[in-house]
Amino acid sequence: MSKETTSAYSLDIDGVLVKRPPLQLGAAKLRRLLGLAMYDRQLALAPIERKTEEKKISSLKEAISFHLHSGRGIRKEIIERLNQRNDVDMFGNTGRSNKQRWVELTRRQLNGSGLTNLRDIFFTPEGHKTVDSKGAAIQELLKKYKYVTHFDDDPLTILLLAKQFPEVDFVLVEDLSANYLLKGVNWSQYHNVRRVKNIQEL
């Protein structure tokens, strides 16, 4: 595999490959508290060890989250679109935990999705923020691929990472929260971000 001739897709899972609720309530709360300042911080990214942990689900909140994620369906229209890109290596890049039960659930969902070109999945180890884990994964991909594109439905993740990686293309798959979360954003600072509402725009 030559870096000069290969491309990679970094794919968020919940909201891109797997269905999720259409509103981002946590991000909306942060937007109310901080306004546009939520997008104005620098990330301190460092390499992350990516091993599966044999830890149990440790709280009621995590157990509820696991149950809700277990019932989510696949976004078939996105899977079909991605399967048309046989020239790109694809990687999951998720905020989901690297605990064994989460890893098994995620692989089971994606193995049954019909996605034919998924090479690996970057999970988020305990103690790391989702955006930092995703950024570290993108750093790893840039060592192997000349062109990297990250797909996500979270505007905060997209805009923080887009500033950090101006050489990477970002695709924001918008949900019902997008217009509120992005109101007033100066898009001249984000030349490498593309917003799509419909998968046919990809």
N, C-alpha and C. Protein backbone atom coordinates (compact mmCIF):
# COMPACT_ATOMS: atom_id res chain seq x y z
N MET A 1 0.86 -1.20 0.00
CA MET A 1 0.00 0.00 0.00
C MET A 1 0.89 1.24 0.00
N SER A 2 0.73 2.07 -1.01
CA SER A 2 1.55 3.27 -1.14
C SER A 2 0.81 4.49 -0.67
N LYS A 3 1.44 5.29 0.17
CA LYS A 3 0.79 6.49 0.70
C LYS A 3 0.42 7.45 -0.42
N GLU A 4 1.20 7.45 -1.50
CA GLU A 4 0.95 8.39 -2.59
C GLU A 4 -0.29 8.05 -3.41
N THR A 5 -0.80 6.83 -3.29
CA THR A 5 -1.88 6.41 -4.18
C THR A 5 -3.11 5.91 -3.43
N THR A 6 -3.17 6.03 -2.12
CA THR A 6 -4.30 5.47 -1.39
C THR A 6 -5.03 6.52 -0.57
N SER A 7 -6.31 6.24 -0.33
CA SER A 7 -7.17 7.11 0.45
C SER A 7 -7.88 6.30 1.52
N ALA A 8 -8.26 6.99 2.59
CA ALA A 8 -8.97 6.32 3.69
C ALA A 8 -10.17 7.16 4.11
N TYR A 9 -11.24 6.47 4.47
CA TYR A 9 -12.40 7.09 5.10
C TYR A 9 -12.38 6.73 6.58
N SER A 10 -12.53 7.73 7.43
CA SER A 10 -12.70 7.57 8.87
C SER A 10 -14.17 7.82 9.17
N LEU A 11 -14.87 6.79 9.64
CA LEU A 11 -16.32 6.83 9.72
C LEU A 11 -16.82 6.77 11.17
N ASP A 12 -17.42 7.86 11.62
CA ASP A 12 -18.15 7.78 12.88
C ASP A 12 -19.23 6.71 12.74
N ILE A 13 -19.56 6.06 13.83
CA ILE A 13 -20.53 4.97 13.73
C ILE A 13 -21.94 5.43 14.04
N ASP A 14 -22.18 5.95 15.24
CA ASP A 14 -23.54 6.37 15.61
C ASP A 14 -23.88 7.69 14.94
N GLY A 15 -24.88 7.65 14.06
CA GLY A 15 -25.28 8.83 13.33
C GLY A 15 -24.82 8.81 11.89
N VAL A 16 -23.80 8.01 11.59
CA VAL A 16 -23.33 7.86 10.21
C VAL A 16 -23.62 6.46 9.70
N LEU A 17 -23.09 5.44 10.35
CA LEU A 17 -23.35 4.06 9.93
C LEU A 17 -24.55 3.44 10.63
N VAL A 18 -24.76 3.84 11.87
CA VAL A 18 -25.85 3.30 12.68
C VAL A 18 -26.80 4.44 13.04
N LYS A 19 -28.09 4.15 13.02
CA LYS A 19 -29.09 5.17 13.33
C LYS A 19 -28.96 5.64 14.77
N ARG A 20 -29.28 6.91 15.00
CA ARG A 20 -29.28 7.47 16.35
C ARG A 20 -30.38 8.52 16.43
N PRO A 21 -30.77 8.96 17.62
CA PRO A 21 -31.78 10.01 17.73
C PRO A 21 -31.36 11.24 16.93
N PRO A 22 -32.32 11.95 16.31
CA PRO A 22 -32.00 13.05 15.39
C PRO A 22 -31.60 14.35 16.07
N LEU A 23 -31.58 14.40 17.40
CA LEU A 23 -31.21 15.62 18.11
C LEU A 23 -30.01 15.35 19.00
N GLN A 24 -29.07 16.29 19.03
CA GLN A 24 -27.87 16.17 19.85
C GLN A 24 -28.04 17.05 21.08
N LEU A 25 -28.67 16.48 22.10
CA LEU A 25 -29.06 17.28 23.26
C LEU A 25 -27.85 17.74 24.08
N GLY A 26 -26.83 16.88 24.20
CA GLY A 26 -25.64 17.28 24.95
C GLY A 26 -24.94 18.45 24.31
N ALA A 27 -24.79 18.41 22.99
CA ALA A 27 -24.14 19.51 22.28
C ALA A 27 -24.99 20.77 22.34
N ALA A 28 -26.32 20.61 22.29
CA ALA A 28 -27.20 21.78 22.37
C ALA A 28 -27.08 22.47 23.73
N LYS A 29 -26.96 21.67 24.78
CA LYS A 29 -26.78 22.25 26.12
C LYS A 29 -25.47 23.02 26.20
N LEU A 30 -24.41 22.45 25.63
CA LEU A 30 -23.11 23.13 25.62
C LEU A 30 -23.18 24.42 24.82
N ARG A 31 -23.92 24.39 23.71
CA ARG A 31 -24.06 25.59 22.88
C ARG A 31 -24.76 26.70 23.66
N ARG A 32 -25.78 26.35 24.44
CA ARG A 32 -26.49 27.35 25.24
C ARG A 32 -25.57 27.96 26.29
N LEU A 33 -24.69 27.14 26.84
CA LEU A 33 -23.79 27.62 27.90
C LEU A 33 -22.63 28.45 27.35
N LEU A 34 -22.03 28.00 26.25
CA LEU A 34 -20.78 28.59 25.77
C LEU A 34 -20.91 29.39 24.48
N GLY A 35 -22.00 29.17 23.74
CA GLY A 35 -22.11 29.82 22.44
C GLY A 35 -21.03 29.31 21.49
N LEU A 36 -20.57 30.18 20.60
CA LEU A 36 -19.57 29.78 19.62
C LEU A 36 -18.22 29.45 20.25
N ALA A 37 -18.04 29.83 21.52
CA ALA A 37 -16.77 29.52 22.20
C ALA A 37 -16.55 28.01 22.31
N MET A 38 -17.60 27.22 22.17
CA MET A 38 -17.44 25.77 22.26
C MET A 38 -16.53 25.24 21.15
N TYR A 39 -16.41 26.02 20.07
CA TYR A 39 -15.59 25.57 18.95
C TYR A 39 -14.16 26.14 18.99
N ASP A 40 -13.83 26.87 20.03
CA ASP A 40 -12.57 27.62 20.05
C ASP A 40 -11.55 27.06 21.02
N ARG A 41 -11.29 25.78 20.99
CA ARG A 41 -10.23 25.24 21.83
C ARG A 41 -9.31 24.36 20.99
N GLN A 42 -8.08 24.30 21.43
CA GLN A 42 -7.07 23.49 20.76
C GLN A 42 -7.02 22.11 21.39
N LEU A 43 -6.92 21.10 20.57
CA LEU A 43 -6.84 19.74 21.07
C LEU A 43 -5.38 19.35 21.30
N ALA A 44 -5.15 18.65 22.37
CA ALA A 44 -3.81 18.12 22.66
C ALA A 44 -3.84 16.62 22.39
N LEU A 45 -3.50 16.25 21.18
CA LEU A 45 -3.65 14.85 20.77
C LEU A 45 -2.36 14.08 21.01
N ALA A 46 -2.52 12.86 21.45
CA ALA A 46 -1.39 11.96 21.68
C ALA A 46 -1.78 10.56 21.23
N PRO A 47 -0.81 9.73 20.85
CA PRO A 47 -1.13 8.35 20.46
C PRO A 47 -1.88 7.61 21.56
N ILE A 48 -2.81 6.76 21.15
CA ILE A 48 -3.63 6.02 22.10
C ILE A 48 -3.46 4.52 21.85
N GLU A 49 -3.28 3.76 22.92
CA GLU A 49 -3.20 2.31 22.79
C GLU A 49 -4.59 1.75 22.53
N ARG A 50 -4.70 0.93 21.50
CA ARG A 50 -6.02 0.48 21.03
C ARG A 50 -6.27 -0.99 21.31
N LYS A 51 -6.29 -1.40 22.55
CA LYS A 51 -6.58 -2.79 22.86
C LYS A 51 -7.95 -2.90 23.51
N THR A 52 -8.62 -4.02 23.26
CA THR A 52 -9.92 -4.27 23.86
C THR A 52 -9.75 -4.60 25.34
N GLU A 53 -10.57 -3.96 26.16
CA GLU A 53 -10.51 -4.16 27.61
C GLU A 53 -11.59 -5.14 28.05
N GLU A 54 -11.23 -6.06 28.89
CA GLU A 54 -12.18 -7.05 29.39
C GLU A 54 -12.87 -6.54 30.65
N LYS A 55 -13.25 -5.28 30.66
CA LYS A 55 -13.93 -4.70 31.80
C LYS A 55 -15.44 -4.83 31.63
N LYS A 56 -16.14 -4.91 32.74
CA LYS A 56 -17.60 -5.03 32.69
C LYS A 56 -18.23 -3.64 32.58
N ILE A 57 -19.47 -3.62 32.14
CA ILE A 57 -20.25 -2.38 32.17
C ILE A 57 -20.41 -1.98 33.63
N SER A 58 -20.07 -0.73 33.94
CA SER A 58 -19.79 -0.38 35.34
C SER A 58 -20.82 0.51 36.02
N SER A 59 -21.87 0.91 35.32
CA SER A 59 -22.85 1.80 35.94
C SER A 59 -24.21 1.61 35.28
N LEU A 60 -25.24 2.10 35.96
CA LEU A 60 -26.59 2.03 35.40
C LEU A 60 -26.68 2.87 34.13
N LYS A 61 -26.04 4.03 34.13
CA LYS A 61 -26.04 4.90 32.95
C LYS A 61 -25.43 4.19 31.75
N GLU A 62 -24.31 3.51 31.96
CA GLU A 62 -23.67 2.80 30.86
C GLU A 62 -24.53 1.62 30.41
N ALA A 63 -25.18 0.94 31.35
CA ALA A 63 -26.04 -0.19 31.00
C ALA A 63 -27.22 0.25 30.15
N ILE A 64 -27.81 1.40 30.49
CA ILE A 64 -28.92 1.94 29.69
C ILE A 64 -28.43 2.32 28.30
N SER A 65 -27.26 2.97 28.25
CA SER A 65 -26.69 3.35 26.95
C SER A 65 -26.42 2.13 26.09
N PHE A 66 -25.88 1.08 26.68
CA PHE A 66 -25.60 -0.15 25.94
C PHE A 66 -26.89 -0.75 25.40
N HIS A 67 -27.93 -0.76 26.22
CA HIS A 67 -29.22 -1.30 25.78
C HIS A 67 -29.78 -0.50 24.60
N LEU A 68 -29.70 0.82 24.68
CA LEU A 68 -30.23 1.67 23.61
C LEU A 68 -29.43 1.48 22.32
N HIS A 69 -28.11 1.40 22.44
CA HIS A 69 -27.28 1.18 21.26
C HIS A 69 -27.56 -0.19 20.63
N SER A 70 -27.88 -1.17 21.47
CA SER A 70 -28.13 -2.52 20.96
C SER A 70 -29.32 -2.57 20.02
N GLY A 71 -30.27 -1.67 20.23
CA GLY A 71 -31.48 -1.70 19.42
C GLY A 71 -31.45 -0.82 18.19
N ARG A 72 -30.33 -0.19 17.93
CA ARG A 72 -30.26 0.72 16.78
C ARG A 72 -30.03 -0.04 15.48
N GLY A 73 -30.72 0.43 14.44
CA GLY A 73 -30.57 -0.18 13.12
C GLY A 73 -29.47 0.48 12.31
N ILE A 74 -29.20 -0.12 11.17
CA ILE A 74 -28.15 0.36 10.26
C ILE A 74 -28.73 1.40 9.29
N ARG A 75 -27.94 2.38 8.93
CA ARG A 75 -28.34 3.35 7.91
C ARG A 75 -27.99 2.77 6.54
N LYS A 76 -28.94 2.03 6.00
CA LYS A 76 -28.69 1.24 4.79
C LYS A 76 -28.32 2.11 3.60
N GLU A 77 -28.90 3.30 3.51
CA GLU A 77 -28.62 4.15 2.35
C GLU A 77 -27.17 4.61 2.33
N ILE A 78 -26.59 4.82 3.52
CA ILE A 78 -25.19 5.21 3.61
C ILE A 78 -24.29 4.01 3.30
N ILE A 79 -24.65 2.84 3.83
CA ILE A 79 -23.87 1.63 3.55
C ILE A 79 -23.82 1.38 2.05
N GLU A 80 -24.96 1.50 1.38
CA GLU A 80 -25.01 1.26 -0.06
C GLU A 80 -24.12 2.25 -0.81
N ARG A 81 -24.14 3.50 -0.36
CA ARG A 81 -23.33 4.52 -1.01
C ARG A 81 -21.84 4.25 -0.81
N LEU A 82 -21.47 3.89 0.40
CA LEU A 82 -20.07 3.61 0.69
C LEU A 82 -19.56 2.38 -0.06
N ASN A 83 -20.42 1.40 -0.26
CA ASN A 83 -20.01 0.20 -0.97
C ASN A 83 -19.66 0.47 -2.43
N GLN A 84 -20.03 1.62 -2.94
CA GLN A 84 -19.68 1.99 -4.30
C GLN A 84 -18.24 2.48 -4.41
N ARG A 85 -17.60 2.72 -3.26
CA ARG A 85 -16.24 3.26 -3.23
C ARG A 85 -15.23 2.17 -2.93
N ASN A 86 -14.95 1.35 -3.90
CA ASN A 86 -13.99 0.26 -3.70
C ASN A 86 -12.55 0.74 -3.75
N ASP A 87 -12.35 2.02 -4.09
CA ASP A 87 -11.01 2.57 -4.19
C ASP A 87 -10.52 3.18 -2.88
N VAL A 88 -11.34 3.09 -1.82
CA VAL A 88 -11.02 3.72 -0.54
C VAL A 88 -11.03 2.68 0.57
N ASP A 89 -10.02 2.71 1.44
CA ASP A 89 -10.03 1.87 2.64
C ASP A 89 -10.85 2.56 3.73
N MET A 90 -11.71 1.82 4.40
CA MET A 90 -12.63 2.41 5.36
C MET A 90 -12.37 1.90 6.78
N PHE A 91 -12.48 2.82 7.72
CA PHE A 91 -12.24 2.52 9.13
C PHE A 91 -13.36 3.12 9.98
N GLY A 92 -13.88 2.34 10.93
CA GLY A 92 -14.77 2.92 11.92
C GLY A 92 -13.95 3.77 12.89
N ASN A 93 -14.54 4.88 13.34
CA ASN A 93 -13.85 5.79 14.27
C ASN A 93 -14.91 6.31 15.23
N THR A 94 -15.00 5.71 16.40
CA THR A 94 -16.19 5.87 17.23
C THR A 94 -15.88 6.28 18.66
N GLY A 95 -16.85 6.94 19.26
CA GLY A 95 -16.79 7.25 20.68
C GLY A 95 -17.21 6.08 21.55
N ARG A 96 -17.63 5.00 20.95
CA ARG A 96 -18.02 3.82 21.74
C ARG A 96 -16.82 3.26 22.50
N SER A 97 -17.10 2.73 23.67
CA SER A 97 -16.07 2.21 24.56
C SER A 97 -15.32 1.03 23.93
N ASN A 98 -14.08 0.84 24.38
CA ASN A 98 -13.28 -0.31 23.94
C ASN A 98 -13.47 -1.51 24.86
N LYS A 99 -14.48 -1.47 25.74
CA LYS A 99 -14.79 -2.65 26.55
C LYS A 99 -15.29 -3.77 25.63
N GLN A 100 -15.00 -4.99 26.02
CA GLN A 100 -15.28 -6.12 25.15
C GLN A 100 -16.73 -6.20 24.70
N ARG A 101 -17.68 -5.95 25.60
CA ARG A 101 -19.10 -6.06 25.23
C ARG A 101 -19.47 -5.02 24.18
N TRP A 102 -18.91 -3.79 24.31
CA TRP A 102 -19.17 -2.75 23.33
C TRP A 102 -18.53 -3.11 21.98
N VAL A 103 -17.32 -3.63 22.04
CA VAL A 103 -16.63 -4.02 20.81
C VAL A 103 -17.40 -5.12 20.09
N GLU A 104 -17.84 -6.13 20.84
CA GLU A 104 -18.58 -7.24 20.24
C GLU A 104 -19.90 -6.76 19.65
N LEU A 105 -20.61 -5.89 20.37
CA LEU A 105 -21.86 -5.34 19.86
C LEU A 105 -21.64 -4.60 18.54
N THR A 106 -20.63 -3.73 18.53
CA THR A 106 -20.37 -2.91 17.35
C THR A 106 -19.98 -3.75 16.16
N ARG A 107 -19.10 -4.71 16.37
CA ARG A 107 -18.68 -5.56 15.25
C ARG A 107 -19.85 -6.40 14.75
N ARG A 108 -20.71 -6.84 15.64
CA ARG A 108 -21.88 -7.62 15.23
C ARG A 108 -22.82 -6.76 14.38
N GLN A 109 -23.05 -5.53 14.80
CA GLN A 109 -23.91 -4.63 14.03
C GLN A 109 -23.32 -4.38 12.64
N LEU A 110 -22.03 -4.08 12.59
CA LEU A 110 -21.42 -3.72 11.30
C LEU A 110 -21.18 -4.93 10.42
N ASN A 111 -20.92 -6.09 11.02
CA ASN A 111 -20.76 -7.30 10.20
C ASN A 111 -22.06 -7.65 9.49
N GLY A 112 -23.18 -7.30 10.11
CA GLY A 112 -24.47 -7.57 9.48
C GLY A 112 -24.99 -6.43 8.62
N SER A 113 -24.20 -5.39 8.48
CA SER A 113 -24.67 -4.20 7.76
C SER A 113 -24.54 -4.31 6.25
N GLY A 114 -23.64 -5.17 5.81
CA GLY A 114 -23.38 -5.27 4.38
C GLY A 114 -22.23 -4.39 3.91
N LEU A 115 -21.61 -3.64 4.83
CA LEU A 115 -20.47 -2.81 4.46
C LEU A 115 -19.29 -3.74 4.14
N THR A 116 -18.78 -3.61 2.93
CA THR A 116 -17.84 -4.61 2.42
C THR A 116 -16.37 -4.22 2.59
N ASN A 117 -16.08 -2.98 2.95
CA ASN A 117 -14.69 -2.52 2.88
C ASN A 117 -14.21 -1.92 4.20
N LEU A 118 -14.73 -2.41 5.33
CA LEU A 118 -14.32 -1.88 6.63
C LEU A 118 -13.12 -2.66 7.14
N ARG A 119 -11.97 -2.01 7.23
CA ARG A 119 -10.73 -2.70 7.58
C ARG A 119 -10.54 -2.85 9.08
N ASP A 120 -10.97 -1.86 9.87
CA ASP A 120 -10.79 -1.91 11.31
C ASP A 120 -11.65 -0.84 11.96
N ILE A 121 -11.71 -0.85 13.30
CA ILE A 121 -12.49 0.13 14.05
C ILE A 121 -11.63 0.70 15.17
N PHE A 122 -11.61 2.02 15.29
CA PHE A 122 -10.94 2.69 16.40
C PHE A 122 -12.00 2.96 17.48
N PHE A 123 -11.88 2.31 18.63
CA PHE A 123 -12.76 2.55 19.76
C PHE A 123 -12.12 3.56 20.71
N THR A 124 -12.89 4.06 21.68
CA THR A 124 -12.40 5.07 22.62
C THR A 124 -12.11 4.43 23.97
N PRO A 125 -10.85 4.39 24.39
CA PRO A 125 -10.52 3.81 25.69
C PRO A 125 -11.03 4.67 26.84
N GLU A 126 -11.26 4.05 27.96
CA GLU A 126 -11.71 4.73 29.16
C GLU A 126 -10.70 5.82 29.55
N GLY A 127 -11.21 6.98 29.93
CA GLY A 127 -10.35 8.08 30.32
C GLY A 127 -10.00 9.03 29.19
N HIS A 128 -10.44 8.72 27.98
CA HIS A 128 -10.19 9.58 26.83
C HIS A 128 -11.50 10.17 26.32
N LYS A 129 -11.46 11.43 25.92
CA LYS A 129 -12.63 12.05 25.32
C LYS A 129 -12.80 11.55 23.88
N THR A 130 -14.06 11.53 23.44
CA THR A 130 -14.35 11.04 22.10
C THR A 130 -13.57 11.80 21.04
N VAL A 131 -13.59 13.13 21.11
CA VAL A 131 -12.93 13.93 20.07
C VAL A 131 -11.42 13.69 20.06
N ASP A 132 -10.82 13.47 21.23
CA ASP A 132 -9.39 13.20 21.29
C ASP A 132 -9.07 11.83 20.69
N SER A 133 -9.92 10.85 20.99
CA SER A 133 -9.72 9.51 20.44
C SER A 133 -9.85 9.52 18.92
N LYS A 134 -10.86 10.23 18.42
CA LYS A 134 -11.04 10.30 16.97
C LYS A 134 -9.87 11.02 16.31
N GLY A 135 -9.40 12.08 16.95
CA GLY A 135 -8.26 12.81 16.41
C GLY A 135 -7.00 11.96 16.37
N ALA A 136 -6.77 11.19 17.42
CA ALA A 136 -5.61 10.31 17.45
C ALA A 136 -5.70 9.25 16.36
N ALA A 137 -6.91 8.77 16.09
CA ALA A 137 -7.11 7.80 15.02
C ALA A 137 -6.79 8.42 13.66
N ILE A 138 -7.23 9.65 13.46
CA ILE A 138 -6.93 10.34 12.21
C ILE A 138 -5.43 10.53 12.04
N GLN A 139 -4.73 10.84 13.12
CA GLN A 139 -3.27 10.95 13.06
C GLN A 139 -2.64 9.64 12.59
N GLU A 140 -3.16 8.53 13.10
CA GLU A 140 -2.62 7.22 12.69
C GLU A 140 -2.86 6.99 11.19
N LEU A 141 -4.05 7.34 10.72
CA LEU A 141 -4.35 7.12 9.30
C LEU A 141 -3.48 7.99 8.40
N LEU A 142 -3.17 9.20 8.84
CA LEU A 142 -2.34 10.10 8.03
C LEU A 142 -0.92 9.57 7.85
N LYS A 143 -0.49 8.69 8.71
CA LYS A 143 0.83 8.09 8.57
C LYS A 143 0.85 7.06 7.44
N LYS A 144 -0.32 6.55 7.05
CA LYS A 144 -0.41 5.48 6.06
C LYS A 144 -1.06 5.92 4.75
N TYR A 145 -1.86 6.99 4.82
CA TYR A 145 -2.62 7.40 3.64
C TYR A 145 -2.37 8.87 3.31
N LYS A 146 -2.31 9.14 2.03
CA LYS A 146 -2.11 10.53 1.60
C LYS A 146 -3.38 11.34 1.79
N TYR A 147 -4.53 10.72 1.53
CA TYR A 147 -5.82 11.41 1.61
C TYR A 147 -6.70 10.74 2.67
N VAL A 148 -7.19 11.53 3.60
CA VAL A 148 -8.09 11.02 4.64
C VAL A 148 -9.33 11.91 4.69
N THR A 149 -10.48 11.27 4.76
CA THR A 149 -11.76 11.98 4.93
C THR A 149 -12.47 11.42 6.15
N HIS A 150 -12.89 12.31 7.05
CA HIS A 150 -13.62 11.88 8.24
C HIS A 150 -15.08 12.27 8.13
N PHE A 151 -15.99 11.33 8.39
CA PHE A 151 -17.43 11.54 8.34
C PHE A 151 -17.97 11.52 9.77
N ASP A 152 -18.81 12.49 10.13
CA ASP A 152 -19.35 12.55 11.49
C ASP A 152 -20.66 13.31 11.46
N ASP A 153 -21.52 13.05 12.46
CA ASP A 153 -22.76 13.81 12.57
C ASP A 153 -22.71 14.84 13.69
N ASP A 154 -21.57 14.93 14.38
CA ASP A 154 -21.43 15.86 15.51
C ASP A 154 -20.67 17.11 15.08
N PRO A 155 -21.35 18.27 15.01
CA PRO A 155 -20.67 19.49 14.57
C PRO A 155 -19.47 19.86 15.44
N LEU A 156 -19.56 19.63 16.76
CA LEU A 156 -18.45 19.99 17.63
C LEU A 156 -17.21 19.18 17.28
N THR A 157 -17.38 17.87 17.12
CA THR A 157 -16.26 17.02 16.73
C THR A 157 -15.67 17.46 15.40
N ILE A 158 -16.55 17.69 14.43
CA ILE A 158 -16.09 18.07 13.09
C ILE A 158 -15.29 19.36 13.12
N LEU A 159 -15.81 20.40 13.76
CA LEU A 159 -15.14 21.70 13.70
C LEU A 159 -13.85 21.72 14.52
N LEU A 160 -13.82 21.05 15.65
CA LEU A 160 -12.58 20.98 16.43
C LEU A 160 -11.49 20.24 15.64
N LEU A 161 -11.85 19.14 15.02
CA LEU A 161 -10.87 18.36 14.28
C LEU A 161 -10.48 19.03 12.97
N ALA A 162 -11.41 19.75 12.35
CA ALA A 162 -11.10 20.42 11.08
C ALA A 162 -10.02 21.47 11.25
N LYS A 163 -10.03 22.18 12.37
CA LYS A 163 -8.97 23.15 12.66
C LYS A 163 -7.65 22.44 12.93
N GLN A 164 -7.73 21.31 13.59
CA GLN A 164 -6.54 20.57 13.97
C GLN A 164 -5.86 19.94 12.75
N PHE A 165 -6.68 19.52 11.78
CA PHE A 165 -6.16 18.80 10.61
C PHE A 165 -6.61 19.49 9.32
N PRO A 166 -5.98 20.60 8.94
CA PRO A 166 -6.40 21.30 7.73
C PRO A 166 -6.18 20.50 6.46
N GLU A 167 -5.33 19.45 6.53
CA GLU A 167 -5.07 18.63 5.35
C GLU A 167 -6.08 17.50 5.18
N VAL A 168 -6.98 17.35 6.14
CA VAL A 168 -8.01 16.30 6.10
C VAL A 168 -9.33 16.91 5.65
N ASP A 169 -10.08 16.14 4.85
CA ASP A 169 -11.44 16.56 4.47
C ASP A 169 -12.43 16.02 5.49
N PHE A 170 -13.42 16.84 5.83
CA PHE A 170 -14.44 16.45 6.80
C PHE A 170 -15.82 16.58 6.17
N VAL A 171 -16.66 15.59 6.41
CA VAL A 171 -18.04 15.59 5.92
C VAL A 171 -18.96 15.54 7.13
N LEU A 172 -19.75 16.59 7.31
CA LEU A 172 -20.73 16.64 8.39
C LEU A 172 -22.07 16.15 7.87
N VAL A 173 -22.51 15.00 8.37
CA VAL A 173 -23.82 14.46 8.02
C VAL A 173 -24.82 15.08 8.97
N GLU A 174 -25.58 16.04 8.51
CA GLU A 174 -26.39 16.88 9.39
C GLU A 174 -27.63 16.16 9.90
N ASP A 175 -27.99 16.45 11.15
CA ASP A 175 -29.25 15.99 11.72
C ASP A 175 -30.11 17.21 12.05
N LEU A 176 -31.17 17.03 12.81
CA LEU A 176 -32.09 18.13 13.09
C LEU A 176 -31.50 19.21 13.98
N SER A 177 -30.38 18.90 14.64
CA SER A 177 -29.74 19.87 15.53
C SER A 177 -28.79 20.81 14.81
N ALA A 178 -28.44 20.49 13.57
CA ALA A 178 -27.31 21.15 12.91
C ALA A 178 -27.47 22.66 12.80
N ASN A 179 -28.62 23.13 12.35
CA ASN A 179 -28.79 24.57 12.13
C ASN A 179 -28.60 25.36 13.43
N TYR A 180 -29.12 24.84 14.53
CA TYR A 180 -28.95 25.52 15.81
C TYR A 180 -27.50 25.49 16.27
N LEU A 181 -26.88 24.32 16.19
CA LEU A 181 -25.52 24.18 16.67
C LEU A 181 -24.52 24.98 15.85
N LEU A 182 -24.83 25.22 14.59
CA LEU A 182 -23.88 25.88 13.69
C LEU A 182 -24.23 27.34 13.40
N LYS A 183 -25.26 27.85 14.06
CA LYS A 183 -25.67 29.23 13.82
C LYS A 183 -24.54 30.19 14.18
N GLY A 184 -24.17 31.04 13.22
CA GLY A 184 -23.15 32.05 13.46
C GLY A 184 -21.72 31.60 13.21
N VAL A 185 -21.52 30.34 12.84
CA VAL A 185 -20.16 29.84 12.58
C VAL A 185 -19.58 30.53 11.35
N ASN A 186 -18.35 30.97 11.45
CA ASN A 186 -17.64 31.60 10.34
C ASN A 186 -17.03 30.51 9.46
N TRP A 187 -17.69 30.18 8.37
CA TRP A 187 -17.27 29.05 7.56
C TRP A 187 -15.99 29.30 6.78
N SER A 188 -15.54 30.54 6.73
CA SER A 188 -14.26 30.81 6.05
C SER A 188 -13.09 30.17 6.80
N GLN A 189 -13.30 29.82 8.06
CA GLN A 189 -12.26 29.15 8.85
C GLN A 189 -12.23 27.64 8.62
N TYR A 190 -13.22 27.14 7.91
CA TYR A 190 -13.37 25.68 7.77
C TYR A 190 -13.48 25.31 6.30
N HIS A 191 -12.43 25.59 5.55
CA HIS A 191 -12.43 25.32 4.11
C HIS A 191 -12.50 23.83 3.82
N ASN A 192 -12.16 23.01 4.79
CA ASN A 192 -12.08 21.55 4.58
C ASN A 192 -13.31 20.81 5.11
N VAL A 193 -14.40 21.54 5.40
CA VAL A 193 -15.63 20.91 5.90
C VAL A 193 -16.73 21.02 4.85
N ARG A 194 -17.36 19.89 4.59
CA ARG A 194 -18.51 19.84 3.69
C ARG A 194 -19.73 19.40 4.47
N ARG A 195 -20.85 20.08 4.32
CA ARG A 195 -22.09 19.73 5.00
C ARG A 195 -23.04 19.04 4.03
N VAL A 196 -23.59 17.90 4.45
CA VAL A 196 -24.55 17.19 3.61
C VAL A 196 -25.77 16.82 4.45
N LYS A 197 -26.94 16.92 3.86
CA LYS A 197 -28.17 16.49 4.50
C LYS A 197 -28.62 15.14 3.96
N ASN A 198 -28.29 14.89 2.72
CA ASN A 198 -28.74 13.68 2.03
C ASN A 198 -27.52 12.90 1.57
N ILE A 199 -27.52 11.61 1.78
CA ILE A 199 -26.38 10.78 1.44
C ILE A 199 -26.09 10.83 -0.05
N GLN A 200 -27.08 11.15 -0.87
CA GLN A 200 -26.86 11.23 -2.31
C GLN A 200 -25.93 12.41 -2.68
N GLU A 201 -25.70 13.32 -1.72
CA GLU A 201 -24.79 14.43 -1.98
C GLU A 201 -23.33 14.01 -1.87
N LEU A 202 -23.07 12.84 -1.31
CA LEU A 202 -21.68 12.40 -1.13
C LEU A 202 -21.03 12.09 -2.48
